Amino acid sequence: MTIPVSRFTKALALGATLILSLAACGGESSSADAEATSQDVRVWFMKDSVPESAATWLEEEFEAQNPGSDMTIEVQQWNGIVQKLQTSLASEDESPDIVEVGNTQVATFSSVGAFAPIGDLEEELGGEDLIQSFIGAGSWDGELYAAPFYAGARVIFYRTDLFEQAGIAVPKTIEELGEAAKALQAANPEGVPDFSGMYLAGADPHTNEGWLFTYGGQYAEQEGEKWVGRLSTPESLAALREVQDLYQNATKYALDSNENAQVAYELFNQGKVGIYSSLNYAVGKIDQALWDAGKVGVMPLPGLEPGSIGKTFSGGSSIGISANNHNQELSEAALKLMYSEEFQSALASDAGWIPGNTAYTSALTGPTADISQDVIQNSELTPNSPQWGVVDGNNVPRDFWVRIARGEDVTTVAAETDATLEKQLNG
C-alpha cells in the first residue's frame, strides 16, 4: 500500500495543536539500524484487553510463520494513551507497528494519516462479519484505517426473585423497563434500607446513552462540514425526560461518583439494587451464589416496541497499522493473524469480549453469550469526530448527564450542551 505522506502535515487538535510528520522526530536512522529492526514487529495492546495466553500464542505463531522475525507485545495503560500515541506515532524510531485504540479515539489519528489504510485487508479480516458500527468508527474519508478488535455488549442484569416477590413482569420495552424499576423501588420487597429499583448514575454516561440512542437521539450529527448539536431534538428530549424520571423515582444513586459506578455490581450482590446495567463480562462479578440460586436474569436493553432490542453504546477497541510502521508486509501478516479463528476465539472464551469478527462469537460462554451478538449488532457510537476526544476529555457527556441527574430543566441543559458540543466539535 502507498501511504499518503502529505496527510501527516495536517494539524492534530486535542487540547493543543500537534503536527504528525513522517520525518523522524529523533533524527534519521542509519540503514544498518533499519535493517536490524525491519524484521521486528512491535504491538501495543491495552491493559486487560488480551489474555496472556492469547498474547503468547500470537507471538509464537507469528514467529513460526515468519522465520527470522520477532514480535514484541507491549501493554499500555488507558490513562494518557492519546497523548502518548500523539508522540510515538509521529516518530519513525519510536512508533509501534500495530496499535490498539479505543473505538472513539480512532478518528483522532486516522484523520491526520497516523494509521496506514487497511481497506484492502477488510475482506480477509472478516468482511461483513466485522462489527459494523466499528467499521464506521475506524474509517475516515471513505477509507478503513482501523478494524474492529473487540467489543463489550451492554446488557441488563436483574434480580428475578425480587421481581417475583413484587409481582412485576419482565419488561418487554424500554418504557416497561422504567416502569418496572420504579415499581420495584416502591415495593422494596425485602425491606432493604436505601433500596433502588435500578442503578443509574449521571457519572456513567454510557449506560444513560442507551435511552438516548434507543429513543432516536444523539449528541451531535454532521451537516456538511459542520457538527450540529442534537440533544434538543424531540427524540433526544423524550429520552432525557425518561432518564430524569428514573433518576428521581427509580434510583438512590443518581449522583454517585464514577468510581462508585465502576463497582455497582457490589450493590447488586448485596440486594440493594434490583436492576443493573453493565458489559457482558460483569457476569463474573456477580456472586456465584445468586446464579446458582436462579436469582439473576439477563436481557438486552429493550427497544421501543415489544421484542425489539434497544441501542446501547458499544465500548471496545479497534486496531490498526501505524503509518510509521517498520515493515508493512510483516505488519499486515501480524494483523491477519489477530483475526484468525484461534486468536479471535480466545478474545471471546478467555476474556469474554465480543470478537471483532463476529463469526467467532460461538466461543462466548455463560448467561450473556446468546444475546451479546444481537446487542452489538444493534449498538451505536458517539459522534465519529477527531474532536470527540476533546469533548470527552473535557467531561462534557458526564457533566451533561450529572446536570440531568440533579434535576435541572432538561430543555435548558440540552440547549446549552448543544452549544458546547458545536463549539468544541467545530473547533
Protein backbone atom coordinates (compact mmCIF):
# COMPACT_ATOMS: atom_id res chain seq x y z
CA MET A 1 0.00 0.00 0.00
CA THR A 2 1.12 3.57 -0.63
CA ILE A 3 0.84 5.83 2.38
CA PRO A 4 -0.05 9.46 1.57
CA VAL A 5 2.86 11.37 3.07
CA SER A 6 1.16 14.75 2.79
CA ARG A 7 -1.55 13.71 5.24
CA PHE A 8 0.98 13.92 8.06
CA THR A 9 1.23 17.66 7.69
CA LYS A 10 -2.33 18.14 8.95
CA ALA A 11 -2.81 19.56 12.42
CA LEU A 12 -3.96 17.21 15.15
CA ALA A 13 -6.06 19.18 17.65
CA LEU A 14 -6.64 17.55 21.01
CA GLY A 15 -6.38 20.31 23.58
CA ALA A 16 -3.28 21.58 21.80
CA THR A 17 -2.21 21.55 18.14
CA LEU A 18 0.30 18.85 17.30
CA ILE A 19 1.84 18.02 13.95
CA LEU A 20 2.44 14.43 12.91
CA SER A 21 5.20 14.18 10.34
CA LEU A 22 6.83 11.30 8.52
CA ALA A 23 10.18 12.89 9.26
CA ALA A 24 11.83 11.06 12.15
CA CYS A 25 11.47 13.09 15.33
CA GLY A 26 14.62 11.67 16.86
CA GLY A 27 16.82 12.00 13.79
CA GLU A 28 17.14 9.66 10.83
CA SER A 29 18.02 6.02 11.47
CA SER A 30 21.02 4.56 9.70
CA SER A 31 20.48 1.88 7.07
CA ALA A 32 22.10 -0.62 9.42
CA ASP A 33 19.62 0.23 12.15
CA ALA A 34 16.74 -0.07 9.70
CA GLU A 35 17.95 -3.49 8.58
CA ALA A 36 18.25 -4.65 12.20
CA THR A 37 14.73 -3.68 13.10
CA SER A 38 12.81 -4.20 9.85
CA GLN A 39 12.04 -7.83 10.72
CA ASP A 40 10.68 -6.97 14.18
CA VAL A 41 7.04 -6.12 14.84
CA ARG A 42 6.03 -4.13 17.91
CA VAL A 43 2.44 -4.41 19.03
CA TRP A 44 0.73 -2.17 21.58
CA PHE A 45 -2.21 -3.78 23.34
CA MET A 46 -4.13 -2.01 26.09
CA LYS A 47 -4.25 -3.23 29.67
CA ASP A 48 -6.75 -6.05 30.29
CA SER A 49 -7.58 -6.34 26.58
CA VAL A 50 -5.82 -9.52 25.51
CA PRO A 51 -5.48 -12.60 27.74
CA GLU A 52 -1.88 -13.58 28.41
CA SER A 53 -2.41 -16.99 26.82
CA ALA A 54 -3.66 -15.39 23.60
CA ALA A 55 -0.76 -12.92 23.51
CA THR A 56 1.75 -15.76 23.94
CA TRP A 57 0.11 -17.77 21.16
CA LEU A 58 0.19 -14.73 18.87
CA GLU A 59 3.91 -14.13 19.40
CA GLU A 60 4.83 -17.78 18.91
CA GLU A 61 2.59 -18.31 15.89
CA PHE A 62 3.79 -15.12 14.18
CA GLU A 63 7.42 -16.07 14.64
CA ALA A 64 6.73 -19.62 13.41
CA GLN A 65 5.02 -18.35 10.26
CA ASN A 66 7.67 -15.68 9.65
CA PRO A 67 11.09 -17.26 10.31
CA GLY A 68 13.71 -14.71 11.31
CA SER A 69 11.09 -12.22 12.52
CA ASP A 70 10.27 -11.31 16.09
CA MET A 71 7.08 -9.93 17.64
CA THR A 72 7.16 -7.88 20.81
CA ILE A 73 3.89 -7.15 22.61
CA GLU A 74 3.85 -4.16 24.94
CA VAL A 75 0.91 -3.48 27.26
CA GLN A 76 -0.15 0.15 27.63
CA GLN A 77 -2.28 1.92 30.23
CA TRP A 78 -5.52 3.57 29.13
CA ASN A 79 -4.83 6.67 31.16
CA GLY A 80 -2.92 9.14 28.97
CA ILE A 81 -2.79 6.85 25.93
CA VAL A 82 -3.97 9.50 23.45
CA GLN A 83 -1.15 11.86 24.40
CA LYS A 84 1.37 9.01 24.32
CA LEU A 85 0.25 7.97 20.85
CA GLN A 86 0.44 11.54 19.58
CA THR A 87 4.14 11.47 20.36
CA SER A 88 5.01 7.88 19.48
CA LEU A 89 3.12 7.59 16.19
CA ALA A 90 4.91 10.70 14.89
CA SER A 91 8.33 9.10 15.27
CA GLU A 92 9.87 6.67 12.81
CA ASP A 93 12.08 5.43 15.65
CA GLU A 94 9.52 5.19 18.45
CA SER A 95 6.32 4.25 16.66
CA PRO A 96 4.87 0.80 17.32
CA ASP A 97 3.87 -1.12 14.21
CA ILE A 98 0.39 -2.18 15.31
CA VAL A 99 -1.74 -0.22 17.75
CA GLU A 100 -4.92 -0.89 19.68
CA VAL A 101 -7.00 2.20 20.46
CA GLY A 102 -10.45 2.83 21.88
CA ASN A 103 -13.07 2.87 19.15
CA THR A 104 -13.97 6.51 19.87
CA GLN A 105 -10.29 7.52 19.61
CA VAL A 106 -9.61 6.24 16.11
CA ALA A 107 -10.69 9.38 14.27
CA THR A 108 -8.17 11.44 16.23
CA PHE A 109 -5.40 9.55 14.43
CA SER A 110 -6.92 8.34 11.16
CA SER A 111 -7.96 11.90 10.27
CA VAL A 112 -4.32 13.01 10.19
CA GLY A 113 -2.86 9.95 8.49
CA ALA A 114 -1.23 8.40 11.54
CA PHE A 115 -2.57 4.98 10.53
CA ALA A 116 -1.93 3.18 7.27
CA PRO A 117 -5.05 2.40 5.19
CA ILE A 118 -6.17 -1.23 5.51
CA GLY A 119 -9.26 -1.27 3.30
CA ASP A 120 -7.56 -3.84 1.04
CA LEU A 121 -7.48 -6.24 4.00
CA GLU A 122 -11.08 -5.83 5.14
CA GLU A 123 -12.41 -8.98 3.48
CA GLU A 124 -9.52 -11.09 4.76
CA LEU A 125 -10.10 -9.83 8.30
CA GLY A 126 -13.79 -10.74 8.27
CA GLY A 127 -15.70 -8.60 5.78
CA GLU A 128 -19.38 -8.34 6.66
CA ASP A 129 -18.80 -10.35 9.85
CA LEU A 130 -16.78 -7.48 11.32
CA ILE A 131 -18.69 -5.38 13.87
CA GLN A 132 -20.28 -2.89 11.50
CA SER A 133 -20.68 0.04 13.90
CA PHE A 134 -16.91 -0.13 14.44
CA ILE A 135 -16.24 -0.04 10.70
CA GLY A 136 -17.66 3.48 10.61
CA ALA A 137 -15.60 4.48 13.64
CA GLY A 138 -12.44 3.09 12.04
CA SER A 139 -12.96 4.85 8.70
CA TRP A 140 -12.10 8.32 7.50
CA ASP A 141 -12.94 9.89 4.13
CA GLY A 142 -14.25 6.53 2.92
CA GLU A 143 -11.07 4.60 3.78
CA LEU A 144 -10.71 2.00 6.56
CA TYR A 145 -7.79 2.67 8.91
CA ALA A 146 -8.62 0.56 11.97
CA ALA A 147 -10.54 -2.70 12.16
CA PRO A 148 -12.93 -3.76 14.94
CA PHE A 149 -10.84 -5.60 17.55
CA TYR A 150 -13.40 -6.44 20.22
CA ALA A 151 -16.45 -5.01 21.95
CA GLY A 152 -18.29 -5.34 25.21
CA ALA A 153 -22.05 -5.86 24.97
CA ARG A 154 -24.02 -3.74 27.47
CA VAL A 155 -26.77 -5.89 28.96
CA ILE A 156 -29.32 -5.74 31.78
CA PHE A 157 -28.95 -7.95 34.86
CA TYR A 158 -32.00 -8.18 37.11
CA ARG A 159 -32.98 -9.96 40.32
CA THR A 160 -35.64 -12.45 39.30
CA ASP A 161 -36.52 -13.21 42.94
CA LEU A 162 -37.24 -9.54 43.71
CA PHE A 163 -39.34 -9.21 40.54
CA GLU A 164 -41.37 -12.25 41.58
CA GLN A 165 -41.84 -11.03 45.15
CA ALA A 166 -43.06 -7.66 43.90
CA GLY A 167 -45.30 -9.21 41.24
CA ILE A 168 -43.51 -7.41 38.39
CA ALA A 169 -43.35 -8.93 34.91
CA VAL A 170 -40.13 -8.96 32.93
CA PRO A 171 -40.27 -5.78 30.78
CA LYS A 172 -40.54 -6.08 27.01
CA THR A 173 -39.97 -2.42 26.08
CA ILE A 174 -37.68 0.30 27.36
CA GLU A 175 -40.71 2.13 28.75
CA GLU A 176 -41.77 -1.01 30.64
CA LEU A 177 -38.22 -1.30 31.98
CA GLY A 178 -38.51 2.14 33.52
CA GLU A 179 -41.93 1.35 34.98
CA ALA A 180 -40.58 -1.91 36.41
CA ALA A 181 -37.64 -0.10 38.03
CA LYS A 182 -39.93 2.47 39.65
CA ALA A 183 -42.39 -0.19 40.83
CA LEU A 184 -39.59 -2.32 42.24
CA GLN A 185 -38.16 0.59 44.19
CA ALA A 186 -41.56 1.44 45.62
CA ALA A 187 -42.19 -2.20 46.58
CA ASN A 188 -38.75 -2.87 48.11
CA PRO A 189 -39.87 -6.48 48.69
CA GLU A 190 -37.13 -7.33 51.21
CA GLY A 191 -37.24 -4.04 53.10
CA VAL A 192 -33.62 -3.11 52.35
CA PRO A 193 -32.56 0.39 53.54
CA ASP A 194 -31.93 2.79 50.61
CA PHE A 195 -33.03 0.13 48.13
CA SER A 196 -33.00 1.16 44.46
CA GLY A 197 -35.08 -0.33 41.70
CA MET A 198 -32.10 0.10 39.40
CA TYR A 199 -28.60 1.50 39.44
CA LEU A 200 -28.39 4.64 37.34
CA ALA A 201 -25.83 7.43 37.80
CA GLY A 202 -25.17 10.65 35.93
CA ALA A 203 -21.45 9.93 36.13
CA ASP A 204 -21.96 6.81 33.99
CA PRO A 205 -22.78 8.27 30.55
CA HIS A 206 -22.57 5.02 28.60
CA THR A 207 -25.46 3.42 30.49
CA ASN A 208 -27.57 6.56 30.09
CA GLU A 209 -26.81 6.68 26.37
CA GLY A 210 -28.87 3.52 25.94
CA TRP A 211 -32.01 5.62 26.44
CA LEU A 212 -30.72 8.47 24.26
CA PHE A 213 -29.87 6.20 21.33
CA THR A 214 -32.92 3.93 21.66
CA TYR A 215 -35.29 6.90 21.50
CA GLY A 216 -33.54 8.04 18.32
CA GLY A 217 -31.44 10.79 19.87
CA GLN A 218 -27.73 11.56 19.58
CA TYR A 219 -25.22 14.08 20.91
CA ALA A 220 -24.48 15.64 17.54
CA GLU A 221 -24.60 14.95 13.80
CA GLN A 222 -22.58 16.27 10.91
CA GLU A 223 -24.28 18.53 8.39
CA GLY A 224 -21.95 19.33 5.54
CA GLU A 225 -18.70 20.49 7.09
CA LYS A 226 -20.18 21.35 10.48
CA TRP A 227 -21.32 19.42 13.51
CA VAL A 228 -24.74 20.31 14.89
CA GLY A 229 -25.90 19.50 18.42
CA ARG A 230 -28.82 17.08 18.55
CA LEU A 231 -29.70 16.95 22.24
CA SER A 232 -32.57 19.41 21.71
CA THR A 233 -34.39 17.29 19.14
CA PRO A 234 -37.79 15.83 20.15
CA GLU A 235 -36.29 12.33 20.17
CA SER A 236 -33.43 13.29 22.48
CA LEU A 237 -35.65 15.31 24.80
CA ALA A 238 -38.07 12.38 25.16
CA ALA A 239 -35.16 10.18 26.24
CA LEU A 240 -33.79 12.79 28.64
CA ARG A 241 -37.14 13.25 30.35
CA GLU A 242 -37.44 9.48 30.78
CA VAL A 243 -33.96 9.23 32.29
CA GLN A 244 -34.60 12.15 34.63
CA ASP A 245 -37.78 10.42 35.83
CA LEU A 246 -35.70 7.32 36.59
CA TYR A 247 -33.12 9.40 38.45
CA GLN A 248 -35.87 10.78 40.62
CA ASN A 249 -38.05 7.71 41.13
CA ALA A 250 -36.07 4.54 40.40
CA THR A 251 -32.65 5.00 41.96
CA LYS A 252 -30.90 6.37 45.03
CA TYR A 253 -27.61 6.66 43.16
CA ALA A 254 -28.26 9.38 40.57
CA LEU A 255 -25.38 11.48 41.91
CA ASP A 256 -23.00 8.61 42.63
CA SER A 257 -19.36 9.08 41.61
CA ASN A 258 -17.77 7.45 38.58
CA GLU A 259 -15.59 5.40 40.92
CA ASN A 260 -18.66 4.00 42.67
CA ALA A 261 -20.36 3.35 39.35
CA GLN A 262 -17.48 1.03 38.40
CA VAL A 263 -18.24 -1.24 41.36
CA ALA A 264 -22.05 -1.01 41.33
CA TYR A 265 -22.19 -4.79 40.99
CA GLU A 266 -21.46 -4.89 44.72
CA LEU A 267 -24.82 -3.21 45.40
CA PHE A 268 -26.49 -5.76 43.13
CA ASN A 269 -24.82 -8.61 45.04
CA GLN A 270 -25.94 -7.12 48.36
CA GLY A 271 -29.57 -6.89 47.28
CA LYS A 272 -29.55 -3.08 47.36
CA VAL A 273 -30.22 -2.78 43.62
CA GLY A 274 -32.70 -4.81 41.58
CA ILE A 275 -31.63 -3.88 38.04
CA TYR A 276 -28.03 -3.35 36.96
CA SER A 277 -26.69 -2.43 33.51
CA SER A 278 -23.13 -3.38 32.62
CA LEU A 279 -20.94 -5.00 29.99
CA ASN A 280 -21.46 -8.71 29.42
CA TYR A 281 -18.27 -9.74 31.22
CA ALA A 282 -19.76 -8.46 34.50
CA VAL A 283 -21.24 -11.96 34.74
CA GLY A 284 -18.12 -12.90 36.65
CA LYS A 285 -18.53 -10.06 39.14
CA ILE A 286 -21.98 -11.18 40.24
CA ASP A 287 -21.93 -13.59 43.17
CA GLN A 288 -22.00 -17.19 42.01
CA ALA A 289 -24.46 -17.99 44.81
CA LEU A 290 -27.03 -15.74 43.13
CA TRP A 291 -26.56 -17.54 39.82
CA ASP A 292 -26.74 -20.95 41.50
CA ALA A 293 -29.99 -19.98 43.22
CA GLY A 294 -31.54 -18.82 39.94
CA LYS A 295 -31.95 -15.28 41.25
CA VAL A 296 -30.37 -13.48 38.28
CA GLY A 297 -31.87 -12.85 34.88
CA VAL A 298 -30.18 -11.31 31.83
CA MET A 299 -31.70 -9.45 28.91
CA PRO A 300 -30.70 -6.83 26.34
CA LEU A 301 -31.86 -3.28 26.87
CA PRO A 302 -35.38 -3.45 25.38
CA GLY A 303 -36.34 -1.30 22.41
CA LEU A 304 -39.35 0.89 21.82
CA GLU A 305 -41.51 -1.99 20.60
CA PRO A 306 -42.08 -5.36 22.30
CA GLY A 307 -39.43 -7.86 21.25
CA SER A 308 -37.05 -5.25 19.84
CA ILE A 309 -33.56 -4.54 21.13
CA GLY A 310 -32.52 -1.07 22.24
CA LYS A 311 -29.43 0.75 21.01
CA THR A 312 -26.65 0.83 23.57
CA PHE A 313 -23.21 2.40 23.39
CA SER A 314 -20.75 -0.19 22.19
CA GLY A 315 -17.50 0.22 24.07
CA GLY A 316 -14.47 -1.59 22.78
CA SER A 317 -11.31 -1.27 20.75
CA SER A 318 -10.15 -1.00 17.18
CA ILE A 319 -6.72 -1.92 15.87
CA GLY A 320 -4.63 -0.58 13.03
CA ILE A 321 -1.17 -0.35 11.49
CA SER A 322 0.92 2.73 12.15
CA ALA A 323 1.79 4.71 9.03
CA ASN A 324 5.29 4.82 10.51
CA ASN A 325 5.48 1.03 10.76
CA HIS A 326 8.84 -0.56 10.05
CA ASN A 327 7.68 -3.33 7.74
CA GLN A 328 4.29 -3.07 6.05
CA GLU A 329 4.22 -6.67 4.87
CA LEU A 330 5.00 -8.13 8.28
CA SER A 331 2.62 -5.73 9.98
CA GLU A 332 -0.17 -6.90 7.69
CA ALA A 333 0.74 -10.53 8.37
CA ALA A 334 0.53 -9.88 12.12
CA LEU A 335 -2.82 -8.13 11.78
CA LYS A 336 -4.25 -11.02 9.76
CA LEU A 337 -3.12 -13.42 12.47
CA MET A 338 -5.05 -11.38 15.03
CA TYR A 339 -8.19 -12.13 13.01
CA SER A 340 -7.57 -15.86 12.87
CA GLU A 341 -10.13 -18.16 14.46
CA GLU A 342 -7.68 -19.12 17.21
CA PHE A 343 -6.97 -15.56 18.36
CA GLN A 344 -10.46 -14.11 17.91
CA SER A 345 -12.00 -17.09 19.71
CA ALA A 346 -9.60 -16.59 22.60
CA LEU A 347 -10.78 -12.98 22.98
CA ALA A 348 -14.27 -14.42 23.43
CA SER A 349 -13.63 -17.53 25.50
CA ASP A 350 -10.80 -16.28 27.72
CA ALA A 351 -11.67 -12.59 28.11
CA GLY A 352 -15.42 -12.50 27.49
CA TRP A 353 -15.16 -9.92 24.70
CA ILE A 354 -17.33 -9.88 21.59
CA PRO A 355 -14.68 -10.63 18.94
CA GLY A 356 -14.23 -8.07 16.18
CA ASN A 357 -15.06 -10.84 13.72
CA THR A 358 -18.50 -11.90 14.92
CA ALA A 359 -18.20 -15.21 13.06
CA TYR A 360 -16.39 -16.41 16.17
CA THR A 361 -18.92 -15.38 18.82
CA SER A 362 -19.76 -19.07 19.28
CA ALA A 363 -16.70 -19.14 21.54
CA LEU A 364 -18.56 -16.99 24.06
CA THR A 365 -19.88 -18.84 27.08
CA GLY A 366 -22.12 -18.06 30.02
CA PRO A 367 -25.53 -16.43 30.53
CA THR A 368 -24.88 -13.47 28.20
CA ALA A 369 -23.46 -15.45 25.28
CA ASP A 370 -26.72 -15.84 23.36
CA ILE A 371 -27.70 -12.16 23.40
CA SER A 372 -24.32 -10.43 23.15
CA GLN A 373 -24.02 -10.52 19.37
CA ASP A 374 -27.54 -9.13 18.91
CA VAL A 375 -26.73 -6.33 21.36
CA ILE A 376 -23.56 -5.41 19.47
CA GLN A 377 -25.25 -5.51 16.07
CA ASN A 378 -27.81 -3.00 17.40
CA SER A 379 -25.23 -0.79 19.08
CA GLU A 380 -24.37 2.83 18.34
CA LEU A 381 -21.34 5.03 18.84
CA THR A 382 -20.78 8.63 19.82
CA PRO A 383 -20.00 11.16 17.01
CA ASN A 384 -17.13 10.00 14.80
CA SER A 385 -15.09 13.18 15.02
CA PRO A 386 -11.38 13.76 15.75
CA GLN A 387 -12.59 16.33 18.26
CA TRP A 388 -14.67 13.86 20.26
CA GLY A 389 -11.54 13.22 22.30
CA VAL A 390 -11.62 16.89 23.27
CA VAL A 391 -15.29 16.66 24.18
CA ASP A 392 -14.84 13.51 26.21
CA GLY A 393 -11.63 14.76 27.81
CA ASN A 394 -13.45 17.88 28.95
CA ASN A 395 -16.11 15.64 30.55
CA VAL A 396 -18.90 17.21 28.51
CA PRO A 397 -21.02 14.00 28.37
CA ARG A 398 -20.54 13.27 32.06
CA ASP A 399 -21.33 16.82 33.15
CA PHE A 400 -24.40 16.84 30.91
CA TRP A 401 -25.88 13.72 32.50
CA VAL A 402 -24.99 14.89 36.01
CA ARG A 403 -26.97 18.08 35.41
CA ILE A 404 -29.95 15.99 34.32
CA ALA A 405 -29.48 13.86 37.45
CA ARG A 406 -29.52 16.97 39.62
CA GLY A 407 -32.98 17.79 38.33
CA GLU A 408 -32.11 20.78 36.16
CA ASP A 409 -34.51 21.74 33.39
CA VAL A 410 -33.99 19.25 30.58
CA THR A 411 -34.65 21.68 27.73
CA THR A 412 -32.20 24.24 29.10
CA VAL A 413 -29.45 21.71 29.76
CA ALA A 414 -29.87 20.22 26.29
CA ALA A 415 -29.68 23.61 24.54
CA GLU A 416 -26.63 24.72 26.50
CA THR A 417 -24.84 21.42 25.89
CA ASP A 418 -25.68 21.57 22.17
CA ALA A 419 -23.90 24.92 22.05
CA THR A 420 -20.88 23.47 23.86
CA LEU A 421 -20.74 20.46 21.55
CA GLU A 422 -20.89 22.63 18.43
CA LYS A 423 -18.12 24.88 19.70
CA GLN A 424 -15.80 22.01 20.59
CA LEU A 425 -16.58 19.69 17.68
CA ASN A 426 -16.13 22.51 15.16
CA GLY A 427 -13.12 24.00 16.94
